[in-house]
Amino acid sequence: MNDLIMKLHSNVSGRERDELRSRSRALAVAAFFLVGFAIANCSALSPQTPTAADEMHAGVVAYKFLDYASAAEHFKAALAINPDLTEARLFLATSYAQQYIVGDESEANVAMAEQAIAQFKQVLNAGLSDQERYKSVVPIASLSFNLKRFADARDYYGKAIDLRPDEARNYFMIGLIDWTEAAAVRTKVRNELGLSESAMISKPEACVSLRSENQQKVEDGIQRMKKALELQPDYSDAMGYMNLLYRERAEYECDDPEARKADLKSADEWTDKAIAAKKTKPDNPIPEKPAAPQPQN
């Protein structure tokens, strides 16, 4: 190329040579600006790829503004970049859980809870401390309870007790499961007998059958409520369910009138205690949403 230019220069006059040089400089300047313009356009069309940290930040912002669906998408994107980012997985699980509506049994709503449970379970496999594991175990238990998967809920509330044995609520929740299962059996028996709401079971054979199914659940439930009250003496919800558990026991005691009378009296006393405690200090509502994880700096 240089040889060709030299030959061209040798065949032109001085004035023509100067004009050629001037044109060359103009072309070079134009080429410089064209290249710069092309680079700028490429940068505009191809923005920098977000990092996992970028997605985490965007997800946390969306979460704080209660946009849980958008938050979940950002945390999923962070995990796609870095699958080992446990904090993003915990946030993703919590974002799913926040979108779950208690009592809505639609397929989409149940699927949302199941996605949350699946992500919380993956968090548990990350080799965390007991304190961090607790943040996933309790939501799994709570979601399972709301889905009426009582065996799973009982299992995970038991794990929560192992991790934090001084937390009253976990004992209360297992006691609540005990009562819920016992109440379902009692309701079935009463319906089969055609009893009015105020009447109690009086047929001895029905009492024996009900006791064989419910006695262990009722006794276990009473002991768990007592443990919850030992840890938190002003726990009014536990007092309220003590009332209900004593009534469950009285229901199958038609062959022992004195025991039935004593249990109904105890049930009334627990009702009075619950009302008094409620006035002093209301309990947290049931069921509860999982607490939002705190992002690490």
C-alpha atoms as a PDB file:
ATOM      1  CA  MET A   1       0.000   0.000   0.000  1.00  0.00           C
ATOM      2  CA  ASN A   2       2.812   2.427   0.898  1.00  0.00           C
ATOM      3  CA  ASP A   3       4.629   1.602  -2.397  1.00  0.00           C
ATOM      4  CA  LEU A   4       1.471   2.347  -4.343  1.00  0.00           C
ATOM      5  CA  ILE A   5       1.082   5.707  -2.617  1.00  0.00           C
ATOM      6  CA  MET A   6       4.691   6.609  -3.314  1.00  0.00           C
ATOM      7  CA  LYS A   7       4.237   5.799  -7.018  1.00  0.00           C
ATOM      8  CA  LEU A   8       1.113   7.897  -7.155  1.00  0.00           C
ATOM      9  CA  HIS A   9       2.930  10.769  -5.475  1.00  0.00           C
ATOM     10  CA  SER A  10       5.814  10.524  -7.914  1.00  0.00           C
ATOM     11  CA  ASN A  11       3.474  11.007 -10.883  1.00  0.00           C
ATOM     12  CA  VAL A  12       1.772  14.165  -9.653  1.00  0.00           C
ATOM     13  CA  SER A  13       2.809  17.769  -9.370  1.00  0.00           C
ATOM     14  CA  GLY A  14       3.616  19.476  -6.072  1.00  0.00           C
ATOM     15  CA  ARG A  15       0.243  21.207  -5.992  1.00  0.00           C
ATOM     16  CA  GLU A  16      -1.608  17.984  -6.728  1.00  0.00           C
ATOM     17  CA  ARG A  17       0.470  16.266  -4.067  1.00  0.00           C
ATOM     18  CA  ASP A  18      -0.621  18.834  -1.453  1.00  0.00           C
ATOM     19  CA  GLU A  19      -4.263  18.411  -2.445  1.00  0.00           C
ATOM     20  CA  LEU A  20      -3.937  14.647  -2.134  1.00  0.00           C
ATOM     21  CA  ARG A  21      -2.425  14.951   1.322  1.00  0.00           C
ATOM     22  CA  SER A  22      -5.228  17.293   2.416  1.00  0.00           C
ATOM     23  CA  ARG A  23      -7.871  14.880   1.174  1.00  0.00           C
ATOM     24  CA  SER A  24      -6.133  11.992   2.944  1.00  0.00           C
ATOM     25  CA  ARG A  25      -6.168  13.877   6.230  1.00  0.00           C
ATOM     26  CA  ALA A  26      -9.896  14.657   5.809  1.00  0.00           C
ATOM     27  CA  LEU A  27     -10.663  11.014   5.083  1.00  0.00           C
ATOM     28  CA  ALA A  28      -8.684   9.933   8.149  1.00  0.00           C
ATOM     29  CA  VAL A  29     -10.586  12.354  10.390  1.00  0.00           C
ATOM     30  CA  ALA A  30     -13.924  11.192   8.951  1.00  0.00           C
ATOM     31  CA  ALA A  31     -12.946   7.557   9.494  1.00  0.00           C
ATOM     32  CA  PHE A  32     -12.020   8.307  13.112  1.00  0.00           C
ATOM     33  CA  PHE A  33     -15.440   9.783  13.850  1.00  0.00           C
ATOM     34  CA  LEU A  34     -17.252   6.962  12.043  1.00  0.00           C
ATOM     35  CA  VAL A  35     -15.436   4.350  14.131  1.00  0.00           C
ATOM     36  CA  GLY A  36     -16.255   6.252  17.328  1.00  0.00           C
ATOM     37  CA  PHE A  37     -19.920   6.495  16.327  1.00  0.00           C
ATOM     38  CA  ALA A  38     -20.048   2.742  15.603  1.00  0.00           C
ATOM     39  CA  ILE A  39     -18.491   1.898  18.963  1.00  0.00           C
ATOM     40  CA  ALA A  40     -20.983   4.146  20.760  1.00  0.00           C
ATOM     41  CA  ASN A  41     -23.889   2.507  18.961  1.00  0.00           C
ATOM     42  CA  CYS A  42     -22.613  -0.989  19.820  1.00  0.00           C
ATOM     43  CA  SER A  43     -22.347  -0.001  23.478  1.00  0.00           C
ATOM     44  CA  ALA A  44     -25.911   1.292  23.454  1.00  0.00           C
ATOM     45  CA  LEU A  45     -27.226  -1.885  21.813  1.00  0.00           C
ATOM     46  CA  SER A  46     -25.205  -4.232  24.060  1.00  0.00           C
ATOM     47  CA  PRO A  47     -25.400  -3.014  27.695  1.00  0.00           C
ATOM     48  CA  GLN A  48     -23.221  -4.575  30.328  1.00  0.00           C
ATOM     49  CA  THR A  49     -24.535  -7.964  31.502  1.00  0.00           C
ATOM     50  CA  PRO A  50     -25.952  -7.744  35.076  1.00  0.00           C
ATOM     51  CA  THR A  51     -24.001  -9.570  37.755  1.00  0.00           C
ATOM     52  CA  ALA A  52     -25.479 -11.739  40.508  1.00  0.00           C
ATOM     53  CA  ALA A  53     -24.936  -8.815  42.886  1.00  0.00           C
ATOM     54  CA  ASP A  54     -26.896  -6.528  40.529  1.00  0.00           C
ATOM     55  CA  GLU A  55     -29.807  -8.976  40.455  1.00  0.00           C
ATOM     56  CA  MET A  56     -29.705  -9.374  44.226  1.00  0.00           C
ATOM     57  CA  HIS A  57     -29.860  -5.603  44.706  1.00  0.00           C
ATOM     58  CA  ALA A  58     -32.783  -5.254  42.290  1.00  0.00           C
ATOM     59  CA  GLY A  59     -34.583  -8.133  44.003  1.00  0.00           C
ATOM     60  CA  VAL A  60     -34.165  -6.634  47.463  1.00  0.00           C
ATOM     61  CA  VAL A  61     -35.512  -3.286  46.237  1.00  0.00           C
ATOM     62  CA  ALA A  62     -38.561  -4.985  44.684  1.00  0.00           C
ATOM     63  CA  TYR A  63     -39.077  -7.001  47.869  1.00  0.00           C
ATOM     64  CA  LYS A  64     -39.007  -3.878  50.025  1.00  0.00           C
ATOM     65  CA  PHE A  65     -41.693  -2.360  47.788  1.00  0.00           C
ATOM     66  CA  LEU A  66     -43.792  -5.561  48.252  1.00  0.00           C
ATOM     67  CA  ASP A  67     -43.422  -6.514  44.590  1.00  0.00           C
ATOM     68  CA  TYR A  68     -42.762 -10.152  45.438  1.00  0.00           C
ATOM     69  CA  ALA A  69     -43.285 -11.492  41.906  1.00  0.00           C
ATOM     70  CA  SER A  70     -40.619  -9.180  40.448  1.00  0.00           C
ATOM     71  CA  ALA A  71     -38.353  -9.856  43.409  1.00  0.00           C
ATOM     72  CA  ALA A  72     -38.589 -13.594  42.763  1.00  0.00           C
ATOM     73  CA  GLU A  73     -37.563 -13.100  39.117  1.00  0.00           C
ATOM     74  CA  HIS A  74     -34.473 -11.127  40.139  1.00  0.00           C
ATOM     75  CA  PHE A  75     -33.451 -13.725  42.733  1.00  0.00           C
ATOM     76  CA  LYS A  76     -33.927 -16.482  40.135  1.00  0.00           C
ATOM     77  CA  ALA A  77     -31.670 -14.530  37.783  1.00  0.00           C
ATOM     78  CA  ALA A  78     -29.042 -14.192  40.521  1.00  0.00           C
ATOM     79  CA  LEU A  79     -29.143 -17.959  41.072  1.00  0.00           C
ATOM     80  CA  ALA A  80     -28.828 -18.594  37.333  1.00  0.00           C
ATOM     81  CA  ILE A  81     -25.548 -16.653  37.464  1.00  0.00           C
ATOM     82  CA  ASN A  82     -24.384 -18.149  40.770  1.00  0.00           C
ATOM     83  CA  PRO A  83     -26.310 -21.294  41.870  1.00  0.00           C
ATOM     84  CA  ASP A  84     -24.376 -21.374  45.158  1.00  0.00           C
ATOM     85  CA  LEU A  85     -25.713 -18.000  46.311  1.00  0.00           C
ATOM     86  CA  THR A  86     -27.622 -19.225  49.382  1.00  0.00           C
ATOM     87  CA  GLU A  87     -28.827 -15.735  50.315  1.00  0.00           C
ATOM     88  CA  ALA A  88     -30.538 -15.393  46.919  1.00  0.00           C
ATOM     89  CA  ARG A  89     -32.224 -18.786  47.378  1.00  0.00           C
ATOM     90  CA  LEU A  90     -33.502 -17.814  50.836  1.00  0.00           C
ATOM     91  CA  PHE A  91     -34.876 -14.565  49.436  1.00  0.00           C
ATOM     92  CA  LEU A  92     -36.447 -16.462  46.516  1.00  0.00           C
ATOM     93  CA  ALA A  93     -38.149 -18.916  48.877  1.00  0.00           C
ATOM     94  CA  THR A  94     -39.445 -16.070  51.030  1.00  0.00           C
ATOM     95  CA  SER A  95     -40.712 -14.170  47.956  1.00  0.00           C
ATOM     96  CA  TYR A  96     -42.720 -17.240  46.921  1.00  0.00           C
ATOM     97  CA  ALA A  97     -44.052 -17.678  50.460  1.00  0.00           C
ATOM     98  CA  GLN A  98     -45.188 -14.055  50.584  1.00  0.00           C
ATOM     99  CA  GLN A  99     -47.271 -14.611  47.446  1.00  0.00           C
ATOM    100  CA  TYR A 100     -49.073 -17.614  48.957  1.00  0.00           C
ATOM    101  CA  ILE A 101     -52.617 -16.838  50.172  1.00  0.00           C
ATOM    102  CA  VAL A 102     -53.722 -18.863  53.193  1.00  0.00           C
ATOM    103  CA  GLY A 103     -57.016 -20.652  52.562  1.00  0.00           C
ATOM    104  CA  ASP A 104     -56.899 -20.343  48.763  1.00  0.00           C
ATOM    105  CA  GLU A 105     -56.814 -23.917  47.475  1.00  0.00           C
ATOM    106  CA  SER A 106     -56.441 -23.026  43.796  1.00  0.00           C
ATOM    107  CA  GLU A 107     -53.825 -24.949  41.841  1.00  0.00           C
ATOM    108  CA  ALA A 108     -51.704 -21.852  41.210  1.00  0.00           C
ATOM    109  CA  ASN A 109     -51.718 -20.823  44.873  1.00  0.00           C
ATOM    110  CA  VAL A 110     -50.815 -24.308  46.098  1.00  0.00           C
ATOM    111  CA  ALA A 111     -48.018 -24.429  43.500  1.00  0.00           C
ATOM    112  CA  MET A 112     -46.659 -21.146  44.883  1.00  0.00           C
ATOM    113  CA  ALA A 113     -46.429 -22.656  48.381  1.00  0.00           C
ATOM    114  CA  GLU A 114     -44.796 -25.786  46.982  1.00  0.00           C
ATOM    115  CA  GLN A 115     -42.167 -23.696  45.166  1.00  0.00           C
ATOM    116  CA  ALA A 116     -41.410 -21.900  48.430  1.00  0.00           C
ATOM    117  CA  ILE A 117     -41.064 -25.195  50.304  1.00  0.00           C
ATOM    118  CA  ALA A 118     -38.767 -26.608  47.606  1.00  0.00           C
ATOM    119  CA  GLN A 119     -36.457 -23.588  47.788  1.00  0.00           C
ATOM    120  CA  PHE A 120     -36.388 -23.593  51.605  1.00  0.00           C
ATOM    121  CA  LYS A 121     -35.426 -27.287  51.505  1.00  0.00           C
ATOM    122  CA  GLN A 122     -32.544 -26.491  49.155  1.00  0.00           C
ATOM    123  CA  VAL A 123     -31.363 -23.845  51.605  1.00  0.00           C
ATOM    124  CA  LEU A 124     -31.265 -26.532  54.302  1.00  0.00           C
ATOM    125  CA  ASN A 125     -28.786 -28.501  52.190  1.00  0.00           C
ATOM    126  CA  ALA A 126     -26.298 -25.612  52.149  1.00  0.00           C
ATOM    127  CA  GLY A 127     -24.458 -26.500  55.373  1.00  0.00           C
ATOM    128  CA  LEU A 128     -25.703 -23.536  57.394  1.00  0.00           C
ATOM    129  CA  SER A 129     -25.544 -22.779  61.098  1.00  0.00           C
ATOM    130  CA  ASP A 130     -28.452 -23.863  63.303  1.00  0.00           C
ATOM    131  CA  GLN A 131     -29.656 -20.274  63.456  1.00  0.00           C
ATOM    132  CA  GLU A 132     -29.766 -20.034  59.650  1.00  0.00           C
ATOM    133  CA  ARG A 133     -31.400 -23.461  59.312  1.00  0.00           C
ATOM    134  CA  TYR A 134     -34.153 -22.365  61.672  1.00  0.00           C
ATOM    135  CA  LYS A 135     -35.120 -19.598  59.215  1.00  0.00           C
ATOM    136  CA  SER A 136     -36.007 -22.266  56.650  1.00  0.00           C
ATOM    137  CA  VAL A 137     -37.372 -25.013  58.902  1.00  0.00           C
ATOM    138  CA  VAL A 138     -40.157 -22.892  60.431  1.00  0.00           C
ATOM    139  CA  PRO A 139     -41.516 -21.584  57.078  1.00  0.00           C
ATOM    140  CA  ILE A 140     -41.615 -25.150  55.724  1.00  0.00           C
ATOM    141  CA  ALA A 141     -43.580 -26.200  58.806  1.00  0.00           C
ATOM    142  CA  SER A 142     -45.928 -23.211  58.552  1.00  0.00           C
ATOM    143  CA  LEU A 143     -46.612 -23.655  54.833  1.00  0.00           C
ATOM    144  CA  SER A 144     -47.170 -27.388  55.301  1.00  0.00           C
ATOM    145  CA  PHE A 145     -49.662 -26.665  58.088  1.00  0.00           C
ATOM    146  CA  ASN A 146     -51.560 -24.193  55.894  1.00  0.00           C
ATOM    147  CA  LEU A 147     -51.644 -26.800  53.103  1.00  0.00           C
ATOM    148  CA  LYS A 148     -53.137 -29.251  55.673  1.00  0.00           C
ATOM    149  CA  ARG A 149     -50.122 -31.538  55.266  1.00  0.00           C
ATOM    150  CA  PHE A 150     -50.024 -32.166  58.982  1.00  0.00           C
ATOM    151  CA  ALA A 151     -47.463 -34.996  58.967  1.00  0.00           C
ATOM    152  CA  ASP A 152     -44.926 -32.740  57.230  1.00  0.00           C
ATOM    153  CA  ALA A 153     -45.819 -29.804  59.485  1.00  0.00           C
ATOM    154  CA  ARG A 154     -45.379 -31.942  62.603  1.00  0.00           C
ATOM    155  CA  ASP A 155     -42.011 -33.181  61.333  1.00  0.00           C
ATOM    156  CA  TYR A 156     -40.636 -29.700  60.616  1.00  0.00           C
ATOM    157  CA  TYR A 157     -41.978 -28.130  63.808  1.00  0.00           C
ATOM    158  CA  GLY A 158     -40.183 -30.987  65.563  1.00  0.00           C
ATOM    159  CA  LYS A 159     -36.969 -30.011  63.749  1.00  0.00           C
ATOM    160  CA  ALA A 160     -37.578 -26.414  64.836  1.00  0.00           C
ATOM    161  CA  ILE A 161     -37.820 -27.563  68.464  1.00  0.00           C
ATOM    162  CA  ASP A 162     -34.524 -29.424  68.079  1.00  0.00           C
ATOM    163  CA  LEU A 163     -32.877 -26.252  66.773  1.00  0.00           C
ATOM    164  CA  ARG A 164     -34.506 -23.876  69.277  1.00  0.00           C
ATOM    165  CA  PRO A 165     -35.989 -25.763  72.243  1.00  0.00           C
ATOM    166  CA  ASP A 166     -36.898 -22.586  74.141  1.00  0.00           C
ATOM    167  CA  GLU A 167     -39.334 -21.272  71.488  1.00  0.00           C
ATOM    168  CA  ALA A 168     -42.909 -21.694  72.796  1.00  0.00           C
ATOM    169  CA  ARG A 169     -44.650 -21.301  69.462  1.00  0.00           C
ATOM    170  CA  ASN A 170     -43.288 -24.525  67.983  1.00  0.00           C
ATOM    171  CA  TYR A 171     -44.697 -26.612  70.855  1.00  0.00           C
ATOM    172  CA  PHE A 172     -47.978 -24.745  70.478  1.00  0.00           C
ATOM    173  CA  MET A 173     -48.153 -25.501  66.756  1.00  0.00           C
ATOM    174  CA  ILE A 174     -47.644 -29.253  67.231  1.00  0.00           C
ATOM    175  CA  GLY A 175     -50.298 -29.163  69.960  1.00  0.00           C
ATOM    176  CA  LEU A 176     -52.583 -27.355  67.520  1.00  0.00           C
ATOM    177  CA  ILE A 177     -52.022 -30.151  64.987  1.00  0.00           C
ATOM    178  CA  ASP A 178     -52.879 -32.709  67.692  1.00  0.00           C
ATOM    179  CA  TRP A 179     -56.155 -30.908  68.407  1.00  0.00           C
ATOM    180  CA  THR A 180     -56.988 -30.411  64.693  1.00  0.00           C
ATOM    181  CA  GLU A 181     -56.619 -34.118  63.959  1.00  0.00           C
ATOM    182  CA  ALA A 182     -58.586 -35.125  67.059  1.00  0.00           C
ATOM    183  CA  ALA A 183     -61.364 -32.635  66.275  1.00  0.00           C
ATOM    184  CA  ALA A 184     -61.770 -34.067  62.774  1.00  0.00           C
ATOM    185  CA  VAL A 185     -62.305 -37.587  64.182  1.00  0.00           C
ATOM    186  CA  ARG A 186     -64.718 -36.333  66.854  1.00  0.00           C
ATOM    187  CA  THR A 187     -66.727 -34.348  64.282  1.00  0.00           C
ATOM    188  CA  LYS A 188     -67.077 -37.439  62.093  1.00  0.00           C
ATOM    189  CA  VAL A 189     -68.343 -39.540  65.005  1.00  0.00           C
ATOM    190  CA  ARG A 190     -70.804 -36.876  66.122  1.00  0.00           C
ATOM    191  CA  ASN A 191     -72.146 -36.468  62.586  1.00  0.00           C
ATOM    192  CA  GLU A 192     -72.680 -40.209  62.300  1.00  0.00           C
ATOM    193  CA  LEU A 193     -74.636 -40.116  65.574  1.00  0.00           C
ATOM    194  CA  GLY A 194     -76.686 -37.106  64.424  1.00  0.00           C
ATOM    195  CA  LEU A 195     -75.970 -35.110  67.595  1.00  0.00           C
ATOM    196  CA  SER A 196     -76.980 -31.497  68.062  1.00  0.00           C
ATOM    197  CA  GLU A 197     -74.268 -28.924  68.740  1.00  0.00           C
ATOM    198  CA  SER A 198     -74.940 -28.828  72.485  1.00  0.00           C
ATOM    199  CA  ALA A 199     -75.255 -32.596  73.032  1.00  0.00           C
ATOM    200  CA  MET A 200     -72.262 -34.756  73.985  1.00  0.00           C
ATOM    201  CA  ILE A 201     -71.627 -38.342  72.990  1.00  0.00           C
ATOM    202  CA  SER A 202     -73.478 -40.656  75.365  1.00  0.00           C
ATOM    203  CA  LYS A 203     -73.275 -44.076  73.703  1.00  0.00           C
ATOM    204  CA  PRO A 204     -70.580 -46.120  75.518  1.00  0.00           C
ATOM    205  CA  GLU A 205     -69.454 -47.922  72.360  1.00  0.00           C
ATOM    206  CA  ALA A 206     -69.035 -44.609  70.560  1.00  0.00           C
ATOM    207  CA  CYS A 207     -66.988 -43.235  73.462  1.00  0.00           C
ATOM    208  CA  VAL A 208     -64.744 -46.300  73.469  1.00  0.00           C
ATOM    209  CA  SER A 209     -64.201 -46.025  69.702  1.00  0.00           C
ATOM    210  CA  LEU A 210     -63.464 -42.298  69.888  1.00  0.00           C
ATOM    211  CA  ARG A 211     -61.083 -42.739  72.831  1.00  0.00           C
ATOM    212  CA  SER A 212     -59.111 -45.414  70.984  1.00  0.00           C
ATOM    213  CA  GLU A 213     -58.509 -42.966  68.107  1.00  0.00           C
ATOM    214  CA  ASN A 214     -58.119 -39.700  69.964  1.00  0.00           C
ATOM    215  CA  GLN A 215     -56.691 -40.311  73.420  1.00  0.00           C
ATOM    216  CA  GLN A 216     -53.021 -40.213  72.412  1.00  0.00           C
ATOM    217  CA  LYS A 217     -53.478 -37.063  70.307  1.00  0.00           C
ATOM    218  CA  VAL A 218     -55.367 -35.294  73.099  1.00  0.00           C
ATOM    219  CA  GLU A 219     -52.859 -36.223  75.810  1.00  0.00           C
ATOM    220  CA  ASP A 220     -49.939 -35.225  73.588  1.00  0.00           C
ATOM    221  CA  GLY A 221     -51.659 -31.955  72.739  1.00  0.00           C
ATOM    222  CA  ILE A 222     -52.220 -31.104  76.405  1.00  0.00           C
ATOM    223  CA  GLN A 223     -48.569 -31.775  77.215  1.00  0.00           C
ATOM    224  CA  ARG A 224     -47.376 -29.586  74.342  1.00  0.00           C
ATOM    225  CA  MET A 225     -49.637 -26.719  75.356  1.00  0.00           C
ATOM    226  CA  LYS A 226     -48.335 -27.045  78.921  1.00  0.00           C
ATOM    227  CA  LYS A 227     -44.759 -26.841  77.596  1.00  0.00           C
ATOM    228  CA  ALA A 228     -45.627 -23.733  75.562  1.00  0.00           C
ATOM    229  CA  LEU A 229     -47.131 -22.144  78.680  1.00  0.00           C
ATOM    230  CA  GLU A 230     -44.108 -23.122  80.743  1.00  0.00           C
ATOM    231  CA  LEU A 231     -41.930 -21.189  78.298  1.00  0.00           C
ATOM    232  CA  GLN A 232     -44.422 -18.334  77.843  1.00  0.00           C
ATOM    233  CA  PRO A 233     -46.861 -18.126  80.790  1.00  0.00           C
ATOM    234  CA  ASP A 234     -48.993 -15.372  79.196  1.00  0.00           C
ATOM    235  CA  TYR A 235     -49.563 -17.320  75.948  1.00  0.00           C
ATOM    236  CA  SER A 236     -53.309 -16.797  75.589  1.00  0.00           C
ATOM    237  CA  ASP A 237     -53.685 -18.887  72.416  1.00  0.00           C
ATOM    238  CA  ALA A 238     -52.169 -21.864  74.216  1.00  0.00           C
ATOM    239  CA  MET A 239     -54.667 -21.323  77.057  1.00  0.00           C
ATOM    240  CA  GLY A 240     -57.513 -21.249  74.544  1.00  0.00           C
ATOM    241  CA  TYR A 241     -56.470 -24.557  73.039  1.00  0.00           C
ATOM    242  CA  MET A 242     -56.027 -26.091  76.476  1.00  0.00           C
ATOM    243  CA  ASN A 243     -59.742 -25.387  76.839  1.00  0.00           C
ATOM    244  CA  LEU A 244     -60.489 -27.172  73.561  1.00  0.00           C
ATOM    245  CA  LEU A 245     -58.259 -30.154  74.332  1.00  0.00           C
ATOM    246  CA  TYR A 246     -59.933 -30.700  77.714  1.00  0.00           C
ATOM    247  CA  ARG A 247     -63.288 -30.648  75.922  1.00  0.00           C
ATOM    248  CA  GLU A 248     -62.002 -33.232  73.457  1.00  0.00           C
ATOM    249  CA  ARG A 249     -61.055 -35.466  76.366  1.00  0.00           C
ATOM    250  CA  ALA A 250     -64.441 -34.943  78.047  1.00  0.00           C
ATOM    251  CA  GLU A 251     -66.171 -35.984  74.817  1.00  0.00           C
ATOM    252  CA  TYR A 252     -64.987 -39.595  75.059  1.00  0.00           C
ATOM    253  CA  GLU A 253     -65.490 -39.893  78.854  1.00  0.00           C
ATOM    254  CA  CYS A 254     -69.203 -40.764  78.839  1.00  0.00           C
ATOM    255  CA  ASP A 255     -68.355 -43.962  80.716  1.00  0.00           C
ATOM    256  CA  ASP A 256     -66.728 -41.887  83.488  1.00  0.00           C
ATOM    257  CA  PRO A 257     -69.115 -39.024  84.435  1.00  0.00           C
ATOM    258  CA  GLU A 258     -66.865 -37.645  87.170  1.00  0.00           C
ATOM    259  CA  ALA A 259     -63.862 -37.400  84.839  1.00  0.00           C
ATOM    260  CA  ARG A 260     -66.056 -35.691  82.231  1.00  0.00           C
ATOM    261  CA  LYS A 261     -67.321 -33.183  84.776  1.00  0.00           C
ATOM    262  CA  ALA A 262     -63.783 -32.405  85.982  1.00  0.00           C
ATOM    263  CA  ASP A 263     -62.466 -31.910  82.436  1.00  0.00           C
ATOM    264  CA  LEU A 264     -65.340 -29.602  81.477  1.00  0.00           C
ATOM    265  CA  LYS A 265     -64.630 -27.565  84.624  1.00  0.00           C
ATOM    266  CA  SER A 266     -60.931 -27.339  83.664  1.00  0.00           C
ATOM    267  CA  ALA A 267     -61.915 -26.306  80.145  1.00  0.00           C
ATOM    268  CA  ASP A 268     -64.003 -23.420  81.508  1.00  0.00           C
ATOM    269  CA  GLU A 269     -61.134 -22.315  83.735  1.00  0.00           C
ATOM    270  CA  TRP A 270     -58.741 -22.238  80.783  1.00  0.00           C
ATOM    271  CA  THR A 271     -61.267 -20.166  78.844  1.00  0.00           C
ATOM    272  CA  ASP A 272     -61.327 -17.589  81.636  1.00  0.00           C
ATOM    273  CA  LYS A 273     -57.516 -17.534  81.760  1.00  0.00           C
ATOM    274  CA  ALA A 274     -57.298 -17.073  77.993  1.00  0.00           C
ATOM    275  CA  ILE A 275     -59.716 -14.141  78.033  1.00  0.00           C
ATOM    276  CA  ALA A 276     -57.822 -12.440  80.855  1.00  0.00           C
ATOM    277  CA  ALA A 277     -54.450 -12.971  79.152  1.00  0.00           C
ATOM    278  CA  LYS A 278     -55.807 -11.735  75.813  1.00  0.00           C
ATOM    279  CA  LYS A 279     -56.794  -8.434  77.393  1.00  0.00           C
ATOM    280  CA  THR A 280     -53.317  -8.011  78.800  1.00  0.00           C
ATOM    281  CA  LYS A 281     -51.219  -9.081  75.803  1.00  0.00           C
ATOM    282  CA  PRO A 282     -52.647 -10.175  72.425  1.00  0.00           C
ATOM    283  CA  ASP A 283     -50.848 -13.089  70.781  1.00  0.00           C
ATOM    284  CA  ASN A 284     -49.447 -13.113  67.254  1.00  0.00           C
ATOM    285  CA  PRO A 285     -51.994 -14.124  64.599  1.00  0.00           C
ATOM    286  CA  ILE A 286     -51.993 -17.670  63.229  1.00  0.00           C
ATOM    287  CA  PRO A 287     -50.741 -18.656  60.724  1.00  0.00           C
ATOM    288  CA  GLU A 288     -47.754 -16.345  60.247  1.00  0.00           C
ATOM    289  CA  LYS A 289     -45.774 -15.387  57.181  1.00  0.00           C
ATOM    290  CA  PRO A 290     -42.038 -16.146  57.156  1.00  0.00           C
ATOM    291  CA  ALA A 291     -39.899 -13.209  58.207  1.00  0.00           C
ATOM    292  CA  ALA A 292     -37.978 -11.438  55.484  1.00  0.00           C
ATOM    293  CA  PRO A 293     -34.281 -12.390  55.404  1.00  0.00           C
ATOM    294  CA  GLN A 294     -31.808  -9.589  55.955  1.00  0.00           C
ATOM    295  CA  PRO A 295     -29.351  -8.972  53.075  1.00  0.00           C
ATOM    296  CA  GLN A 296     -25.684  -9.209  53.994  1.00  0.00           C
ATOM    297  CA  ASN A 297     -23.444  -6.230  53.368  1.00  0.00           C
END
